Amino acid sequence: MGKYLKISVATLVITISLLLILVLFYIYVVNTKRITNIMDQKTALQNVVTTLSHVLENVGGKVDTTKGEHINHQNTPALAELLDSLERVLVLPKEEAYVFIMDTTGQEIVNGGNPELARAPDGSRPYRNLSGVADGSGEKLTEKILQTAAAGGGFVEYSWKNPHTKKMGNKVAYVRTVPGTEWVVGSGIYMDTK
């Protein structure tokens, strides 16, 4: 009977060990898939923002919002129409990755998540200066975005209210300056929406 118990205990230990290995492997696969998905999304953000910065390079420098000039359908109709269109763009399908543009003083020019931040009631841009805005953890977000863009562009992580779910979420955005302008363009994804 003692021999039988030793075999049963050994079999039990092996079975539990195999189950534990399977569970750990499953966790590894799920996390690897999630990390790969996030890395793919970040690469897509970077590519889209880089492309947008080059598109805007040819039109964005025509109005210097840092000196009080405004963009509207009367004085710059093509640019105003382009910016209106950018507010409706979702950079990644099925994600809340909208486009935002601000100038180097922190004035919002486009905000696809909250267009009222960028457009005055008469439709002119920019509308609000967000230079003092902090993220959900109290960090000066606009300052962080402008510094990252000025340093050649890059990713910025922050806490921000999702305009669709109305809940705070962890977000990562890619930002960069628009060459030849005083503008910064970016887009981000919420990291914890899945």
C-alpha atoms as a PDB file:
ATOM      1  CA  MET A   1       0.000   0.000   0.000  1.00  0.00           C
ATOM      2  CA  GLY A   2       2.907   2.397   0.713  1.00  0.00           C
ATOM      3  CA  LYS A   3       4.252   1.842  -2.800  1.00  0.00           C
ATOM      4  CA  TYR A   4       0.853   2.652  -4.290  1.00  0.00           C
ATOM      5  CA  LEU A   5       0.655   5.935  -2.356  1.00  0.00           C
ATOM      6  CA  LYS A   6       4.137   6.959  -3.511  1.00  0.00           C
ATOM      7  CA  ILE A   7       3.165   6.392  -7.123  1.00  0.00           C
ATOM      8  CA  SER A   8      -0.078   8.291  -6.644  1.00  0.00           C
ATOM      9  CA  VAL A   9       1.706  11.197  -4.959  1.00  0.00           C
ATOM     10  CA  ALA A  10       4.349  11.221  -7.686  1.00  0.00           C
ATOM     11  CA  THR A  11       1.651  11.111 -10.354  1.00  0.00           C
ATOM     12  CA  LEU A  12      -0.214  13.908  -8.583  1.00  0.00           C
ATOM     13  CA  VAL A  13       2.938  16.055  -8.368  1.00  0.00           C
ATOM     14  CA  ILE A  14       3.676  15.491 -12.061  1.00  0.00           C
ATOM     15  CA  THR A  15       0.073  16.243 -13.027  1.00  0.00           C
ATOM     16  CA  ILE A  16      -0.017  19.428 -10.963  1.00  0.00           C
ATOM     17  CA  SER A  17       3.361  20.458 -12.370  1.00  0.00           C
ATOM     18  CA  LEU A  18       2.136  19.923 -15.931  1.00  0.00           C
ATOM     19  CA  LEU A  19      -1.032  21.895 -15.241  1.00  0.00           C
ATOM     20  CA  LEU A  20       1.005  24.722 -13.720  1.00  0.00           C
ATOM     21  CA  ILE A  21       3.305  24.731 -16.762  1.00  0.00           C
ATOM     22  CA  LEU A  22       0.259  24.878 -19.072  1.00  0.00           C
ATOM     23  CA  VAL A  23      -1.266  27.769 -17.100  1.00  0.00           C
ATOM     24  CA  LEU A  24       2.030  29.674 -17.122  1.00  0.00           C
ATOM     25  CA  PHE A  25       2.426  29.024 -20.856  1.00  0.00           C
ATOM     26  CA  TYR A  26      -1.116  30.309 -21.473  1.00  0.00           C
ATOM     27  CA  ILE A  27      -0.385  33.479 -19.464  1.00  0.00           C
ATOM     28  CA  TYR A  28       2.844  33.935 -21.413  1.00  0.00           C
ATOM     29  CA  VAL A  29       1.069  33.557 -24.782  1.00  0.00           C
ATOM     30  CA  VAL A  30      -1.726  35.959 -23.815  1.00  0.00           C
ATOM     31  CA  ASN A  31       0.710  38.593 -22.546  1.00  0.00           C
ATOM     32  CA  THR A  32       3.016  38.170 -25.539  1.00  0.00           C
ATOM     33  CA  LYS A  33       0.051  38.656 -27.863  1.00  0.00           C
ATOM     34  CA  ARG A  34      -1.040  41.766 -25.920  1.00  0.00           C
ATOM     35  CA  ILE A  35       2.485  43.227 -25.925  1.00  0.00           C
ATOM     36  CA  THR A  36       2.899  42.496 -29.633  1.00  0.00           C
ATOM     37  CA  ASN A  37      -0.469  44.127 -30.321  1.00  0.00           C
ATOM     38  CA  ILE A  38       0.525  47.232 -28.349  1.00  0.00           C
ATOM     39  CA  MET A  39       3.881  47.399 -30.144  1.00  0.00           C
ATOM     40  CA  ASP A  40       2.115  47.092 -33.519  1.00  0.00           C
ATOM     41  CA  GLN A  41      -0.295  49.865 -32.550  1.00  0.00           C
ATOM     42  CA  LYS A  42       2.546  52.100 -31.375  1.00  0.00           C
ATOM     43  CA  THR A  43       4.376  51.533 -34.668  1.00  0.00           C
ATOM     44  CA  ALA A  44       1.189  52.359 -36.573  1.00  0.00           C
ATOM     45  CA  LEU A  45       0.747  55.551 -34.519  1.00  0.00           C
ATOM     46  CA  GLN A  46       4.306  56.608 -35.234  1.00  0.00           C
ATOM     47  CA  ASN A  47       3.901  55.983 -38.969  1.00  0.00           C
ATOM     48  CA  VAL A  48       0.597  57.856 -39.217  1.00  0.00           C
ATOM     49  CA  VAL A  49       1.808  60.837 -37.174  1.00  0.00           C
ATOM     50  CA  THR A  50       5.022  61.044 -39.196  1.00  0.00           C
ATOM     51  CA  THR A  51       3.036  61.001 -42.435  1.00  0.00           C
ATOM     52  CA  LEU A  52       0.605  63.632 -41.136  1.00  0.00           C
ATOM     53  CA  SER A  53       3.491  65.866 -40.089  1.00  0.00           C
ATOM     54  CA  HIS A  54       4.835  65.811 -43.646  1.00  0.00           C
ATOM     55  CA  VAL A  55       1.390  66.506 -45.124  1.00  0.00           C
ATOM     56  CA  LEU A  56       0.904  69.416 -42.721  1.00  0.00           C
ATOM     57  CA  GLU A  57       4.409  70.718 -43.434  1.00  0.00           C
ATOM     58  CA  ASN A  58       3.191  72.033 -46.764  1.00  0.00           C
ATOM     59  CA  VAL A  59       0.082  73.754 -45.427  1.00  0.00           C
ATOM     60  CA  GLY A  60       0.528  74.348 -41.695  1.00  0.00           C
ATOM     61  CA  GLY A  61       3.196  77.015 -41.919  1.00  0.00           C
ATOM     62  CA  LYS A  62       0.900  79.433 -43.731  1.00  0.00           C
ATOM     63  CA  VAL A  63      -0.726  80.560 -40.487  1.00  0.00           C
ATOM     64  CA  ASP A  64       1.300  81.358 -37.374  1.00  0.00           C
ATOM     65  CA  THR A  65      -1.086  80.659 -34.515  1.00  0.00           C
ATOM     66  CA  THR A  66       1.639  81.483 -31.997  1.00  0.00           C
ATOM     67  CA  LYS A  67       1.348  85.118 -33.115  1.00  0.00           C
ATOM     68  CA  GLY A  68      -2.426  85.294 -32.816  1.00  0.00           C
ATOM     69  CA  GLU A  69      -3.336  84.369 -36.389  1.00  0.00           C
ATOM     70  CA  HIS A  70      -6.469  82.261 -36.747  1.00  0.00           C
ATOM     71  CA  ILE A  71      -7.517  79.581 -39.178  1.00  0.00           C
ATOM     72  CA  ASN A  72     -11.042  79.762 -40.527  1.00  0.00           C
ATOM     73  CA  HIS A  73     -13.017  79.012 -43.677  1.00  0.00           C
ATOM     74  CA  GLN A  74     -12.739  82.640 -44.869  1.00  0.00           C
ATOM     75  CA  ASN A  75      -9.000  83.310 -44.686  1.00  0.00           C
ATOM     76  CA  THR A  76      -7.639  79.753 -45.201  1.00  0.00           C
ATOM     77  CA  PRO A  77     -10.475  77.579 -46.551  1.00  0.00           C
ATOM     78  CA  ALA A  78      -8.357  74.621 -47.705  1.00  0.00           C
ATOM     79  CA  LEU A  79      -6.447  74.418 -44.423  1.00  0.00           C
ATOM     80  CA  ALA A  80      -9.640  74.829 -42.378  1.00  0.00           C
ATOM     81  CA  GLU A  81     -11.289  72.010 -44.343  1.00  0.00           C
ATOM     82  CA  LEU A  82      -8.249  69.761 -43.868  1.00  0.00           C
ATOM     83  CA  LEU A  83      -8.233  70.374 -40.107  1.00  0.00           C
ATOM     84  CA  ASP A  84     -11.997  69.752 -39.923  1.00  0.00           C
ATOM     85  CA  SER A  85     -11.406  66.425 -41.672  1.00  0.00           C
ATOM     86  CA  LEU A  86      -8.579  65.461 -39.313  1.00  0.00           C
ATOM     87  CA  GLU A  87     -10.972  65.829 -36.377  1.00  0.00           C
ATOM     88  CA  ARG A  88     -13.034  62.966 -37.798  1.00  0.00           C
ATOM     89  CA  VAL A  89     -10.118  60.588 -38.423  1.00  0.00           C
ATOM     90  CA  LEU A  90      -9.556  57.549 -36.251  1.00  0.00           C
ATOM     91  CA  VAL A  91      -5.933  56.589 -36.762  1.00  0.00           C
ATOM     92  CA  LEU A  92      -6.388  52.914 -35.862  1.00  0.00           C
ATOM     93  CA  PRO A  93      -9.576  50.981 -36.633  1.00  0.00           C
ATOM     94  CA  LYS A  94     -11.644  50.079 -33.570  1.00  0.00           C
ATOM     95  CA  GLU A  95      -9.513  52.281 -31.312  1.00  0.00           C
ATOM     96  CA  GLU A  96      -9.994  55.719 -29.784  1.00  0.00           C
ATOM     97  CA  ALA A  97      -6.838  56.952 -31.547  1.00  0.00           C
ATOM     98  CA  TYR A  98      -7.783  60.429 -32.709  1.00  0.00           C
ATOM     99  CA  VAL A  99      -5.524  63.144 -34.109  1.00  0.00           C
ATOM    100  CA  PHE A 100      -4.535  66.194 -32.086  1.00  0.00           C
ATOM    101  CA  ILE A 101      -2.526  69.228 -33.141  1.00  0.00           C
ATOM    102  CA  MET A 102      -1.323  72.076 -30.962  1.00  0.00           C
ATOM    103  CA  ASP A 103       1.076  74.905 -31.477  1.00  0.00           C
ATOM    104  CA  THR A 104       4.233  75.408 -29.447  1.00  0.00           C
ATOM    105  CA  THR A 105       2.436  77.761 -27.054  1.00  0.00           C
ATOM    106  CA  GLY A 106      -0.058  75.035 -26.127  1.00  0.00           C
ATOM    107  CA  GLN A 107      -3.001  76.268 -28.180  1.00  0.00           C
ATOM    108  CA  GLU A 108      -5.140  73.393 -29.408  1.00  0.00           C
ATOM    109  CA  ILE A 109      -5.666  73.462 -33.187  1.00  0.00           C
ATOM    110  CA  VAL A 110      -7.261  70.022 -33.681  1.00  0.00           C
ATOM    111  CA  ASN A 111      -8.624  67.584 -31.126  1.00  0.00           C
ATOM    112  CA  GLY A 112     -10.519  64.640 -32.576  1.00  0.00           C
ATOM    113  CA  GLY A 113     -11.531  63.463 -29.109  1.00  0.00           C
ATOM    114  CA  ASN A 114     -12.953  66.823 -28.062  1.00  0.00           C
ATOM    115  CA  PRO A 115     -13.254  69.266 -30.996  1.00  0.00           C
ATOM    116  CA  GLU A 116     -14.610  72.019 -28.725  1.00  0.00           C
ATOM    117  CA  LEU A 117     -11.099  72.434 -27.294  1.00  0.00           C
ATOM    118  CA  ALA A 118      -9.756  73.496 -30.675  1.00  0.00           C
ATOM    119  CA  ARG A 119     -12.610  75.252 -32.440  1.00  0.00           C
ATOM    120  CA  ALA A 120     -14.318  78.418 -31.301  1.00  0.00           C
ATOM    121  CA  PRO A 121     -18.108  78.667 -31.731  1.00  0.00           C
ATOM    122  CA  ASP A 122     -17.488  80.612 -34.968  1.00  0.00           C
ATOM    123  CA  GLY A 123     -15.346  77.716 -36.266  1.00  0.00           C
ATOM    124  CA  SER A 124     -11.992  79.507 -36.069  1.00  0.00           C
ATOM    125  CA  ARG A 125      -8.876  77.857 -34.697  1.00  0.00           C
ATOM    126  CA  PRO A 126      -7.100  77.798 -32.297  1.00  0.00           C
ATOM    127  CA  TYR A 127      -9.609  78.230 -29.516  1.00  0.00           C
ATOM    128  CA  ARG A 128      -8.156  77.220 -26.157  1.00  0.00           C
ATOM    129  CA  ASN A 129      -4.674  77.264 -24.708  1.00  0.00           C
ATOM    130  CA  LEU A 130      -3.965  74.045 -22.845  1.00  0.00           C
ATOM    131  CA  SER A 131      -0.466  74.903 -21.635  1.00  0.00           C
ATOM    132  CA  GLY A 132      -1.470  74.458 -17.987  1.00  0.00           C
ATOM    133  CA  VAL A 133      -3.324  71.167 -18.458  1.00  0.00           C
ATOM    134  CA  ALA A 134      -2.274  68.255 -16.284  1.00  0.00           C
ATOM    135  CA  ASP A 135      -3.000  64.574 -16.843  1.00  0.00           C
ATOM    136  CA  GLY A 136      -4.920  62.348 -14.429  1.00  0.00           C
ATOM    137  CA  SER A 137      -1.862  61.951 -12.206  1.00  0.00           C
ATOM    138  CA  GLY A 138      -1.134  65.684 -12.014  1.00  0.00           C
ATOM    139  CA  GLU A 139       1.776  65.817 -14.505  1.00  0.00           C
ATOM    140  CA  LYS A 140       1.874  68.829 -16.830  1.00  0.00           C
ATOM    141  CA  LEU A 141       0.774  67.025 -19.968  1.00  0.00           C
ATOM    142  CA  THR A 142       1.013  69.806 -22.548  1.00  0.00           C
ATOM    143  CA  GLU A 143       4.522  70.645 -21.379  1.00  0.00           C
ATOM    144  CA  LYS A 144       5.518  66.967 -21.627  1.00  0.00           C
ATOM    145  CA  ILE A 145       4.107  66.713 -25.175  1.00  0.00           C
ATOM    146  CA  LEU A 146       5.819  69.902 -26.346  1.00  0.00           C
ATOM    147  CA  GLN A 147       9.174  68.878 -24.838  1.00  0.00           C
ATOM    148  CA  THR A 148       9.036  65.411 -26.407  1.00  0.00           C
ATOM    149  CA  ALA A 149       8.147  66.841 -29.816  1.00  0.00           C
ATOM    150  CA  ALA A 150      10.895  69.494 -29.593  1.00  0.00           C
ATOM    151  CA  ALA A 151      13.441  66.784 -28.775  1.00  0.00           C
ATOM    152  CA  GLY A 152      12.758  65.092 -32.125  1.00  0.00           C
ATOM    153  CA  GLY A 153       9.476  63.362 -31.351  1.00  0.00           C
ATOM    154  CA  GLY A 154       8.615  60.271 -29.404  1.00  0.00           C
ATOM    155  CA  PHE A 155       6.128  58.504 -27.186  1.00  0.00           C
ATOM    156  CA  VAL A 156       4.461  60.156 -24.195  1.00  0.00           C
ATOM    157  CA  GLU A 157       2.642  58.100 -21.558  1.00  0.00           C
ATOM    158  CA  TYR A 158      -0.063  59.683 -19.438  1.00  0.00           C
ATOM    159  CA  SER A 159      -3.429  59.241 -17.759  1.00  0.00           C
ATOM    160  CA  TRP A 160      -6.358  60.741 -19.681  1.00  0.00           C
ATOM    161  CA  LYS A 161     -10.142  60.581 -19.747  1.00  0.00           C
ATOM    162  CA  ASN A 162     -11.369  58.476 -22.658  1.00  0.00           C
ATOM    163  CA  PRO A 163     -13.891  60.611 -24.605  1.00  0.00           C
ATOM    164  CA  HIS A 164     -15.968  57.533 -25.468  1.00  0.00           C
ATOM    165  CA  THR A 165     -16.053  55.612 -22.170  1.00  0.00           C
ATOM    166  CA  LYS A 166     -15.754  58.748 -19.975  1.00  0.00           C
ATOM    167  CA  LYS A 167     -13.323  56.809 -17.746  1.00  0.00           C
ATOM    168  CA  MET A 168      -9.700  57.595 -16.936  1.00  0.00           C
ATOM    169  CA  GLY A 169      -7.271  55.389 -18.799  1.00  0.00           C
ATOM    170  CA  ASN A 170      -3.568  54.936 -19.364  1.00  0.00           C
ATOM    171  CA  LYS A 171      -2.661  56.366 -22.725  1.00  0.00           C
ATOM    172  CA  VAL A 172       0.443  56.450 -24.908  1.00  0.00           C
ATOM    173  CA  ALA A 173       0.757  58.967 -27.729  1.00  0.00           C
ATOM    174  CA  TYR A 174       3.314  59.545 -30.416  1.00  0.00           C
ATOM    175  CA  VAL A 175       4.066  63.245 -30.978  1.00  0.00           C
ATOM    176  CA  ARG A 176       6.357  65.203 -33.266  1.00  0.00           C
ATOM    177  CA  THR A 177       6.734  68.689 -34.628  1.00  0.00           C
ATOM    178  CA  VAL A 178       5.482  69.564 -38.071  1.00  0.00           C
ATOM    179  CA  PRO A 179       8.632  70.598 -39.990  1.00  0.00           C
ATOM    180  CA  GLY A 180       8.782  74.295 -40.828  1.00  0.00           C
ATOM    181  CA  THR A 181       5.930  75.194 -38.474  1.00  0.00           C
ATOM    182  CA  GLU A 182       5.209  75.934 -34.835  1.00  0.00           C
ATOM    183  CA  TRP A 183       2.865  72.930 -34.675  1.00  0.00           C
ATOM    184  CA  VAL A 184       2.986  69.572 -32.923  1.00  0.00           C
ATOM    185  CA  VAL A 185       0.906  66.671 -34.224  1.00  0.00           C
ATOM    186  CA  GLY A 186       0.117  63.496 -32.324  1.00  0.00           C
ATOM    187  CA  SER A 187      -2.190  60.583 -31.755  1.00  0.00           C
ATOM    188  CA  GLY A 188      -2.514  58.093 -28.935  1.00  0.00           C
ATOM    189  CA  ILE A 189      -4.112  54.869 -27.804  1.00  0.00           C
ATOM    190  CA  TYR A 190      -5.592  53.806 -24.509  1.00  0.00           C
ATOM    191  CA  MET A 191      -3.539  50.951 -23.136  1.00  0.00           C
ATOM    192  CA  ASP A 192      -6.140  49.454 -20.834  1.00  0.00           C
ATOM    193  CA  THR A 193      -9.314  49.363 -22.927  1.00  0.00           C
ATOM    194  CA  LYS A 194      -9.197  45.627 -23.629  1.00  0.00           C
END
